[in-house]
Amino acid sequence: MVDGSDPLVSIVVPVFKVASLLDKCVDSLVGQTYANIEIFLVDDGSPDDSPQRCDAWGERDPRVHVIHKRNEGVSVARNAGLDAARGEYVWFVDGDDYVSYHAVEELVKRAERTRADIVFCSNAESVFKDGRYTVTRHNRLLDFDTATNSEFVEHFAALSDAQYVCPPWNKLFRRSFLSDNDGRFTPGVLVGQDSLFNFPLYAKAQRVSCVPQALYYYVIRSGSAVSSFNPGWFAARKRVHAELLPVISRWNPEYLNRHGNRLIKNLDIIIGAMYAGQRKVQGKERRSLLDGIVHDPVVAELLADTKPVGRRNKLTAAVLRTRSTLIVSWYGRALGLMKIIKKTLKK
């Protein structure tokens, strides 16, 4: 798709320690069937050779612009790219993922036809192992257009169930919509920063579309950040949950129970990761972390207000309601053991 009237699309790619995967990502962007794009590779002070790879792409293709900055986290990196963007539309793509070669064309085509503020697409999972990519699955394909926010709310449960709502990378944004509604990423949030960005925008979006195609490939690799335990996860998840409660209460109160179930699921992940993550937590530190979860007032309020959905969440909630650090630690050991067994069987 090459036409002088095609709107410019700005693609923002935060880059940090993704040297082995970056070329695949950028190749999928410069090879787009839609030519009128600008690509911002934002090197977030990466200590590997990602900065050099970014520069090489900048020399190879005039549409690629490189921003080098000190390490401040993915939110600041995305904001730096957003500040530099000139396009009518903005797409955030992570540096370790890749996209379909016709992705931008399909997203822009839908945005132009519907005048959408946000265009969603499905994503596929791609496992990177031994230098090869294997596509394993994609989430459910959805197809809709809305003209009002109330119509968008009607589709939101389906989007949530199909895992569309949290990441920023499975959607094209109209840049004026972002600037008019203070669409920026919150710095200093360890995990969950994507939801802090997305949900206030969902509350203000009128025209929203969803393309029934898997256009984005989310790469799963061993040794990535999500595989390693971080003691700051609980504080970050709790903060995101608490900050979004008033937004969701005003905008889409029927979603509140799903929002609560998301935190219960994340607590399950955090507790299990203490026993099976790449960084195993030991002794006093682990007990202190578990005590903090068990006796936290936000968790108590969560358990009082949320009806758990699904066997796993029901079990996690029941364990947490005991308010016993010992019982929660036993549960964590069981979760960790299951994770280790599952990982061993996959080898």
Protein backbone atom coordinates (compact mmCIF):
# COMPACT_ATOMS: atom_id res chain seq x y z
CA MET A 1 0.00 0.00 0.00
CA VAL A 2 1.84 3.09 -1.24
CA ASP A 3 -0.09 6.30 -1.76
CA GLY A 4 0.88 9.92 -1.22
CA SER A 5 -2.33 10.44 0.74
CA ASP A 6 -1.69 7.59 3.17
CA PRO A 7 -1.52 8.89 6.76
CA LEU A 8 1.83 8.63 8.52
CA VAL A 9 2.09 5.92 11.18
CA SER A 10 4.63 6.25 14.00
CA ILE A 11 5.89 2.96 15.43
CA VAL A 12 7.55 3.21 18.85
CA VAL A 13 9.87 0.35 19.87
CA PRO A 14 11.43 0.35 23.37
CA VAL A 15 14.71 -1.56 23.28
CA PHE A 16 16.43 -3.11 26.30
CA LYS A 17 18.55 -6.29 26.30
CA VAL A 18 16.88 -7.79 23.22
CA ALA A 19 19.91 -8.07 20.93
CA SER A 20 19.15 -11.64 19.83
CA LEU A 21 15.57 -10.76 18.83
CA LEU A 22 15.77 -7.14 17.68
CA ASP A 23 16.61 -7.78 14.03
CA LYS A 24 13.53 -10.00 13.61
CA CYS A 25 11.39 -7.24 15.09
CA VAL A 26 12.74 -4.40 12.97
CA ASP A 27 12.78 -6.51 9.80
CA SER A 28 9.05 -7.11 10.26
CA LEU A 29 8.52 -3.34 10.53
CA VAL A 30 10.64 -2.09 7.64
CA GLY A 31 9.09 -4.81 5.46
CA GLN A 32 5.54 -3.53 5.92
CA THR A 33 3.30 -3.43 2.86
CA TYR A 34 2.29 0.02 4.13
CA ALA A 35 5.21 2.32 3.34
CA ASN A 36 4.37 5.63 5.04
CA ILE A 37 5.80 4.81 8.46
CA GLU A 38 8.40 6.18 10.84
CA ILE A 39 10.04 3.82 13.32
CA PHE A 40 11.54 5.02 16.60
CA LEU A 41 13.97 2.58 18.18
CA VAL A 42 14.34 3.85 21.74
CA ASP A 43 17.50 2.39 23.28
CA ASP A 44 16.81 2.47 27.01
CA GLY A 45 20.47 2.30 28.02
CA SER A 46 20.74 -1.34 26.98
CA PRO A 47 24.03 -2.96 28.14
CA ASP A 48 24.21 -5.51 25.29
CA ASP A 49 24.81 -4.74 21.62
CA SER A 50 21.21 -3.62 21.05
CA PRO A 51 22.34 0.05 20.68
CA GLN A 52 24.71 -0.89 17.86
CA ARG A 53 21.99 -2.91 16.14
CA CYS A 54 19.63 0.06 16.41
CA ASP A 55 22.24 2.33 14.78
CA ALA A 56 22.78 -0.19 11.99
CA TRP A 57 19.08 -0.17 11.18
CA GLY A 58 19.05 3.62 11.28
CA GLU A 59 21.80 3.71 8.67
CA ARG A 60 20.04 1.10 6.53
CA ASP A 61 16.55 2.66 6.34
CA PRO A 62 15.78 6.42 6.50
CA ARG A 63 12.42 5.68 8.15
CA VAL A 64 14.23 4.29 11.21
CA HIS A 65 15.13 6.88 13.86
CA VAL A 66 17.24 5.94 16.88
CA ILE A 67 16.93 7.52 20.31
CA HIS A 68 19.67 6.68 22.83
CA LYS A 69 18.89 7.42 26.48
CA ARG A 70 19.90 6.31 29.96
CA ASN A 71 18.02 3.40 31.47
CA GLU A 72 14.77 4.63 33.04
CA GLY A 73 12.36 1.81 32.23
CA VAL A 74 9.97 0.93 29.45
CA SER A 75 7.41 3.63 30.32
CA VAL A 76 9.91 6.47 29.92
CA ALA A 77 11.23 4.87 26.73
CA ARG A 78 7.76 4.69 25.20
CA ASN A 79 7.05 8.28 26.22
CA ALA A 80 10.29 9.39 24.54
CA GLY A 81 9.17 7.76 21.31
CA LEU A 82 5.71 9.25 21.66
CA ASP A 83 7.21 12.73 22.10
CA ALA A 84 9.14 12.30 18.85
CA ALA A 85 6.20 10.86 16.88
CA ARG A 86 4.70 12.92 14.05
CA GLY A 87 2.25 10.39 12.66
CA GLU A 88 -1.51 10.51 12.60
CA TYR A 89 -1.42 7.09 14.23
CA VAL A 90 0.87 5.52 16.84
CA TRP A 91 1.68 1.85 17.39
CA PHE A 92 3.76 0.54 20.30
CA VAL A 93 5.75 -2.59 19.44
CA ASP A 94 8.07 -4.34 21.91
CA GLY A 95 11.63 -4.93 20.73
CA ASP A 96 11.55 -8.69 21.34
CA ASP A 97 8.32 -9.27 19.38
CA TYR A 98 7.46 -9.03 15.68
CA VAL A 99 4.44 -8.32 13.48
CA SER A 100 2.78 -9.48 10.29
CA TYR A 101 4.10 -7.72 7.18
CA HIS A 102 0.60 -6.43 6.35
CA ALA A 103 -0.25 -5.41 9.93
CA VAL A 104 -0.04 -1.62 9.53
CA GLU A 105 -2.01 -1.74 6.30
CA GLU A 106 -4.85 -3.67 7.92
CA LEU A 107 -4.94 -1.50 11.04
CA VAL A 108 -4.88 1.79 9.13
CA LYS A 109 -7.49 0.57 6.66
CA ARG A 110 -9.89 -0.10 9.53
CA ALA A 111 -9.02 3.14 11.34
CA GLU A 112 -9.61 5.24 8.22
CA ARG A 113 -12.89 3.52 7.41
CA THR A 114 -14.32 3.83 10.92
CA ARG A 115 -12.47 6.97 12.13
CA ALA A 116 -11.54 4.95 15.22
CA ASP A 117 -9.62 6.28 18.22
CA ILE A 118 -8.31 2.76 18.90
CA VAL A 119 -8.06 -0.28 16.62
CA PHE A 120 -7.46 -3.65 18.29
CA CYS A 121 -6.06 -6.79 16.67
CA SER A 122 -5.51 -10.34 17.85
CA ASN A 123 -2.04 -11.60 18.70
CA ALA A 124 -0.32 -14.95 18.32
CA GLU A 125 2.25 -16.53 20.63
CA SER A 126 5.62 -17.36 19.09
CA VAL A 127 8.09 -19.49 21.04
CA PHE A 128 11.78 -18.64 20.47
CA LYS A 129 14.02 -21.61 21.15
CA ASP A 130 17.43 -22.56 19.77
CA GLY A 131 17.34 -19.65 17.34
CA ARG A 132 13.97 -20.61 15.84
CA TYR A 133 10.44 -19.21 16.12
CA THR A 134 7.43 -21.51 16.43
CA VAL A 135 3.92 -20.02 16.39
CA THR A 136 1.81 -21.95 18.88
CA ARG A 137 -1.57 -20.24 19.30
CA HIS A 138 -3.52 -17.00 18.98
CA ASN A 139 -6.30 -15.53 21.05
CA ARG A 140 -9.90 -15.50 19.87
CA LEU A 141 -10.58 -13.36 16.79
CA LEU A 142 -13.07 -10.55 17.37
CA ASP A 143 -14.64 -8.17 14.85
CA PHE A 144 -16.62 -5.07 15.82
CA ASP A 145 -16.92 -1.29 15.38
CA THR A 146 -18.39 1.15 17.90
CA ALA A 147 -19.58 4.74 17.59
CA THR A 148 -20.04 5.49 21.31
CA ASN A 149 -18.32 4.57 24.56
CA SER A 150 -21.41 2.75 25.78
CA GLU A 151 -21.20 0.49 22.72
CA PHE A 152 -17.53 -0.13 23.50
CA VAL A 153 -18.46 -1.15 27.06
CA GLU A 154 -20.82 -3.77 25.61
CA HIS A 155 -17.85 -5.42 23.84
CA PHE A 156 -15.38 -5.03 26.70
CA ALA A 157 -16.10 -8.29 28.53
CA ALA A 158 -15.40 -10.25 25.35
CA LEU A 159 -12.17 -8.30 24.83
CA SER A 160 -11.12 -9.03 28.39
CA ASP A 161 -11.94 -12.74 28.19
CA ALA A 162 -9.89 -12.99 24.98
CA GLN A 163 -6.94 -11.16 26.64
CA TYR A 164 -6.98 -8.02 24.48
CA VAL A 165 -7.27 -5.30 27.10
CA CYS A 166 -3.98 -5.06 29.03
CA PRO A 167 -1.07 -4.76 26.54
CA PRO A 168 -0.48 -1.59 24.49
CA TRP A 169 1.04 -3.45 21.53
CA ASN A 170 -2.11 -5.06 20.08
CA LYS A 171 -3.71 -1.77 19.18
CA LEU A 172 -3.25 1.26 16.91
CA PHE A 173 -3.98 4.63 18.53
CA ARG A 174 -4.98 7.87 16.87
CA ARG A 175 -2.26 10.24 18.10
CA SER A 176 -4.62 13.18 18.59
CA PHE A 177 -6.75 10.96 20.84
CA LEU A 178 -3.68 10.28 23.01
CA SER A 179 -2.66 13.93 23.22
CA ASP A 180 -6.22 15.10 23.94
CA ASN A 181 -6.57 12.62 26.80
CA ASP A 182 -3.13 12.71 28.44
CA GLY A 183 -2.25 9.31 27.01
CA ARG A 184 1.18 8.70 28.56
CA PHE A 185 2.86 5.85 30.39
CA THR A 186 3.46 6.15 34.14
CA PRO A 187 7.18 5.95 35.01
CA GLY A 188 8.49 3.86 37.88
CA VAL A 189 5.87 1.09 37.82
CA LEU A 190 7.55 -2.32 37.75
CA VAL A 191 4.67 -4.31 36.22
CA GLY A 192 1.14 -3.43 35.14
CA GLN A 193 2.07 -0.04 33.69
CA ASP A 194 0.27 -0.96 30.46
CA SER A 195 -3.08 -1.13 32.26
CA LEU A 196 -2.47 2.27 33.85
CA PHE A 197 -2.01 3.61 30.32
CA ASN A 198 -4.92 1.80 28.66
CA PHE A 199 -7.86 1.91 31.06
CA PRO A 200 -8.21 5.72 31.41
CA LEU A 201 -8.17 5.85 27.60
CA TYR A 202 -10.83 3.14 27.35
CA ALA A 203 -13.05 5.30 29.54
CA LYS A 204 -12.82 8.12 26.98
CA ALA A 205 -12.80 6.27 23.66
CA GLN A 206 -15.88 6.56 21.44
CA ARG A 207 -14.99 5.00 18.10
CA VAL A 208 -13.25 1.68 18.66
CA SER A 209 -12.67 -1.15 16.19
CA CYS A 210 -11.28 -4.66 16.27
CA VAL A 211 -9.69 -6.37 13.27
CA PRO A 212 -10.32 -10.15 13.20
CA GLN A 213 -6.72 -11.04 12.40
CA ALA A 214 -3.67 -12.06 14.46
CA LEU A 215 -1.26 -9.32 13.35
CA TYR A 216 1.11 -9.22 16.34
CA TYR A 217 3.47 -12.01 17.45
CA TYR A 218 4.22 -12.06 21.17
CA VAL A 219 7.52 -13.87 21.65
CA ILE A 220 8.01 -16.24 24.58
CA ARG A 221 11.63 -16.96 25.46
CA SER A 222 13.46 -18.54 28.34
CA GLY A 223 15.29 -16.10 30.61
CA SER A 224 12.94 -13.19 29.91
CA ALA A 225 11.98 -10.78 32.68
CA VAL A 226 8.62 -12.46 33.28
CA SER A 227 10.38 -15.72 34.25
CA SER A 228 12.36 -14.17 37.14
CA PHE A 229 10.89 -13.25 40.52
CA ASN A 230 11.12 -9.63 41.65
CA PRO A 231 10.28 -8.60 45.25
CA GLY A 232 8.63 -5.43 43.95
CA TRP A 233 5.91 -7.24 42.01
CA PHE A 234 3.33 -7.21 44.79
CA ALA A 235 3.62 -3.48 45.49
CA ALA A 236 3.33 -2.74 41.77
CA ARG A 237 0.31 -4.99 41.21
CA LYS A 238 -1.39 -3.57 44.29
CA ARG A 239 -0.76 -0.01 43.11
CA VAL A 240 -2.16 -0.66 39.65
CA HIS A 241 -5.23 -2.36 41.10
CA ALA A 242 -5.91 0.49 43.53
CA GLU A 243 -5.35 3.29 41.01
CA LEU A 244 -7.69 1.72 38.46
CA LEU A 245 -10.52 0.99 40.90
CA PRO A 246 -12.06 4.50 40.72
CA VAL A 247 -11.60 4.62 36.93
CA ILE A 248 -13.40 1.32 36.42
CA SER A 249 -16.05 2.11 39.06
CA ARG A 250 -17.09 5.25 37.18
CA TRP A 251 -16.70 3.90 33.66
CA ASN A 252 -17.60 0.21 33.63
CA PRO A 253 -18.67 -1.07 37.09
CA GLU A 254 -19.66 -4.45 35.67
CA TYR A 255 -15.94 -5.04 35.01
CA LEU A 256 -14.98 -4.62 38.70
CA ASN A 257 -15.22 -8.33 39.50
CA ARG A 258 -12.98 -9.19 36.54
CA HIS A 259 -10.55 -6.52 37.74
CA GLY A 260 -10.47 -8.12 41.18
CA ASN A 261 -9.98 -11.58 39.71
CA ARG A 262 -7.01 -10.29 37.76
CA LEU A 263 -5.26 -9.30 41.01
CA ILE A 264 -6.09 -12.68 42.60
CA LYS A 265 -4.49 -14.39 39.60
CA ASN A 266 -1.42 -12.16 39.90
CA LEU A 267 -1.12 -12.93 43.62
CA ASP A 268 -1.14 -16.63 42.74
CA ILE A 269 1.67 -16.03 40.23
CA ILE A 270 3.70 -13.98 42.72
CA ILE A 271 3.38 -16.53 45.53
CA GLY A 272 4.35 -19.43 43.26
CA ALA A 273 7.28 -17.52 41.76
CA MET A 274 8.84 -17.12 45.21
CA TYR A 275 9.48 -20.86 45.13
CA ALA A 276 10.14 -21.54 41.45
CA GLY A 277 11.41 -18.32 39.84
CA GLN A 278 14.91 -17.95 38.49
CA ARG A 279 15.62 -15.91 41.62
CA LYS A 280 14.34 -18.09 44.47
CA VAL A 281 13.54 -16.12 47.63
CA GLN A 282 14.94 -17.54 50.84
CA GLY A 283 14.17 -17.54 54.57
CA LYS A 284 13.33 -14.26 56.26
CA GLU A 285 12.85 -12.32 53.03
CA ARG A 286 10.24 -14.79 51.78
CA ARG A 287 8.38 -14.84 55.09
CA SER A 288 8.36 -11.04 55.17
CA LEU A 289 6.98 -10.89 51.62
CA LEU A 290 4.28 -13.47 52.39
CA ASP A 291 3.34 -11.67 55.62
CA GLY A 292 2.99 -8.48 53.62
CA ILE A 293 0.54 -10.13 51.21
CA VAL A 294 -1.46 -12.03 53.84
CA HIS A 295 -2.04 -9.01 56.10
CA ASP A 296 -2.32 -6.27 53.48
CA PRO A 297 -5.53 -4.17 53.75
CA VAL A 298 -5.88 -3.94 49.95
CA VAL A 299 -5.83 -7.75 49.76
CA ALA A 300 -8.40 -7.95 52.57
CA GLU A 301 -10.68 -5.54 50.70
CA LEU A 302 -10.11 -7.48 47.47
CA LEU A 303 -11.18 -10.76 49.07
CA ALA A 304 -14.26 -9.12 50.62
CA ASP A 305 -15.43 -7.45 47.40
CA THR A 306 -14.49 -9.99 44.72
CA LYS A 307 -16.25 -13.21 43.77
CA PRO A 308 -13.46 -15.52 42.53
CA VAL A 309 -14.03 -17.04 39.09
CA GLY A 310 -12.41 -20.33 38.07
CA ARG A 311 -11.07 -23.16 40.23
CA ARG A 312 -7.56 -21.73 40.52
CA ASN A 313 -8.71 -18.28 41.64
CA LYS A 314 -11.22 -19.83 44.07
CA LEU A 315 -8.42 -21.90 45.61
CA THR A 316 -6.04 -18.93 45.80
CA ALA A 317 -8.72 -16.76 47.44
CA ALA A 318 -9.57 -19.51 49.95
CA VAL A 319 -5.91 -19.87 50.92
CA LEU A 320 -5.48 -16.11 51.34
CA ARG A 321 -8.66 -15.85 53.43
CA THR A 322 -7.03 -18.03 56.09
CA ARG A 323 -4.71 -15.07 56.78
CA SER A 324 -2.10 -17.67 57.70
CA THR A 325 1.42 -17.09 56.42
CA LEU A 326 2.19 -20.77 57.04
CA ILE A 327 -0.71 -22.03 54.91
CA VAL A 328 0.08 -19.55 52.14
CA SER A 329 3.71 -20.72 52.21
CA TRP A 330 2.58 -24.35 51.81
CA TYR A 331 0.44 -23.28 48.87
CA GLY A 332 3.41 -21.44 47.37
CA ARG A 333 5.58 -24.55 47.68
CA ALA A 334 2.92 -26.60 45.89
CA LEU A 335 2.66 -24.00 43.10
CA GLY A 336 6.43 -23.87 42.76
CA LEU A 337 6.68 -27.66 42.58
CA MET A 338 3.97 -27.81 39.90
CA LYS A 339 5.80 -25.19 37.87
CA ILE A 340 9.11 -27.08 38.11
CA ILE A 341 7.45 -30.38 37.10
CA LYS A 342 5.67 -28.75 34.16
CA LYS A 343 8.92 -27.15 33.00
CA THR A 344 10.77 -30.49 33.29
CA LEU A 345 8.13 -32.33 31.26
CA LYS A 346 8.41 -29.76 28.46
CA LYS A 347 12.14 -30.44 27.97
